[in-house]
C-alpha atoms as a PDB file:
ATOM      1  CA  MET A   1     158.353  51.474  89.568  1.00  0.00           C
ATOM      2  CA  GLY A   2     156.343  51.393  86.336  1.00  0.00           C
ATOM      3  CA  VAL A   3     154.517  54.630  87.093  1.00  0.00           C
ATOM      4  CA  LYS A   4     153.721  56.950  84.185  1.00  0.00           C
ATOM      5  CA  CYS A   5     153.161  60.615  84.825  1.00  0.00           C
ATOM      6  CA  LEU A   6     150.680  62.199  82.441  1.00  0.00           C
ATOM      7  CA  PHE A   7     150.217  65.901  81.923  1.00  0.00           C
ATOM      8  CA  LEU A   8     146.578  66.928  82.147  1.00  0.00           C
ATOM      9  CA  PRO A   9     145.502  70.511  81.566  1.00  0.00           C
ATOM     10  CA  LEU A  10     143.914  72.335  84.502  1.00  0.00           C
ATOM     11  CA  TYR A  11     140.550  72.515  82.757  1.00  0.00           C
ATOM     12  CA  SER A  12     139.775  69.632  80.459  1.00  0.00           C
ATOM     13  CA  PRO A  13     136.005  69.111  80.011  1.00  0.00           C
ATOM     14  CA  ASP A  14     136.538  66.289  77.519  1.00  0.00           C
ATOM     15  CA  LEU A  15     138.268  64.281  80.281  1.00  0.00           C
ATOM     16  CA  ASN A  16     135.632  65.112  82.890  1.00  0.00           C
ATOM     17  CA  PRO A  17     132.726  62.607  82.748  1.00  0.00           C
ATOM     18  CA  ILE A  18     130.393  64.673  84.951  1.00  0.00           C
ATOM     19  CA  LYS A  19     130.799  67.646  82.610  1.00  0.00           C
ATOM     20  CA  LEU A  20     129.798  65.429  79.679  1.00  0.00           C
ATOM     21  CA  PHE A  21     126.790  64.164  81.655  1.00  0.00           C
ATOM     22  CA  TRP A  22     125.536  67.690  82.469  1.00  0.00           C
ATOM     23  CA  ASP A  23     126.117  68.859  78.895  1.00  0.00           C
ATOM     24  CA  ASN A  24     124.042  65.952  77.575  1.00  0.00           C
ATOM     25  CA  LEU A  25     121.303  66.490  80.161  1.00  0.00           C
ATOM     26  CA  LYS A  26     121.062  70.203  79.309  1.00  0.00           C
ATOM     27  CA  ARG A  27     120.886  69.372  75.593  1.00  0.00           C
ATOM     28  CA  ILE A  28     118.090  66.824  76.141  1.00  0.00           C
ATOM     29  CA  LEU A  29     116.116  69.255  78.316  1.00  0.00           C
ATOM     30  CA  ARG A  30     116.559  72.056  75.790  1.00  0.00           C
ATOM     31  CA  GLU A  31     115.373  69.808  72.931  1.00  0.00           C
ATOM     32  CA  ASN A  32     112.321  68.639  74.895  1.00  0.00           C
ATOM     33  CA  LEU A  33     111.406  71.825  76.747  1.00  0.00           C
ATOM     34  CA  LYS A  34     108.114  72.340  74.908  1.00  0.00           C
ATOM     35  CA  ASN A  35     106.889  68.823  75.717  1.00  0.00           C
ATOM     36  CA  LEU A  36     108.137  69.032  79.301  1.00  0.00           C
ATOM     37  CA  LEU A  37     106.290  72.299  79.941  1.00  0.00           C
ATOM     38  CA  ARG A  38     103.083  70.914  78.411  1.00  0.00           C
ATOM     39  CA  TYR A  39     103.332  67.804  80.583  1.00  0.00           C
ATOM     40  CA  LEU A  40     104.019  69.914  83.689  1.00  0.00           C
ATOM     41  CA  LYS A  41     100.964  72.098  83.003  1.00  0.00           C
ATOM     42  CA  GLN A  42      98.753  69.038  82.472  1.00  0.00           C
ATOM     43  CA  SER A  43     100.022  67.502  85.718  1.00  0.00           C
ATOM     44  CA  ILE A  44      99.363  70.682  87.696  1.00  0.00           C
ATOM     45  CA  ASP A  45      95.855  70.967  86.212  1.00  0.00           C
ATOM     46  CA  TYR A  46      95.128  67.322  87.053  1.00  0.00           C
ATOM     47  CA  LEU A  47      96.355  67.669  90.644  1.00  0.00           C
ATOM     48  CA  PHE A  48      94.444  70.912  91.139  1.00  0.00           C
ATOM     49  CA  LEU A  49      91.196  69.314  89.947  1.00  0.00           C
ATOM     50  CA  ALA A  50      91.805  66.274  92.153  1.00  0.00           C
ATOM     51  CA  CYS A  51      92.279  68.533  95.198  1.00  0.00           C
ATOM     52  CA  VAL A  52      89.131  70.524  94.393  1.00  0.00           C
ATOM     53  CA  GLN A  53      87.065  67.345  93.995  1.00  0.00           C
ATOM     54  CA  GLN A  54      88.354  65.962  97.304  1.00  0.00           C
ATOM     55  CA  SER A  55      87.363  69.116  99.148  1.00  0.00           C
ATOM     56  CA  LEU A  56      83.763  68.997  97.863  1.00  0.00           C
END
């Protein structure tokens, strides 16, 4: 029938694309955490000031 059976280990992260994706995403977030937190704080400050100005 031309079918090849391949043995794959039960847990094989190198053959699991979603595992590679999450590993890369976590690495990128870890490397950029300082900038991300600074940007988040600036965004919260900006939105807070915008809300205060609208209520005046």
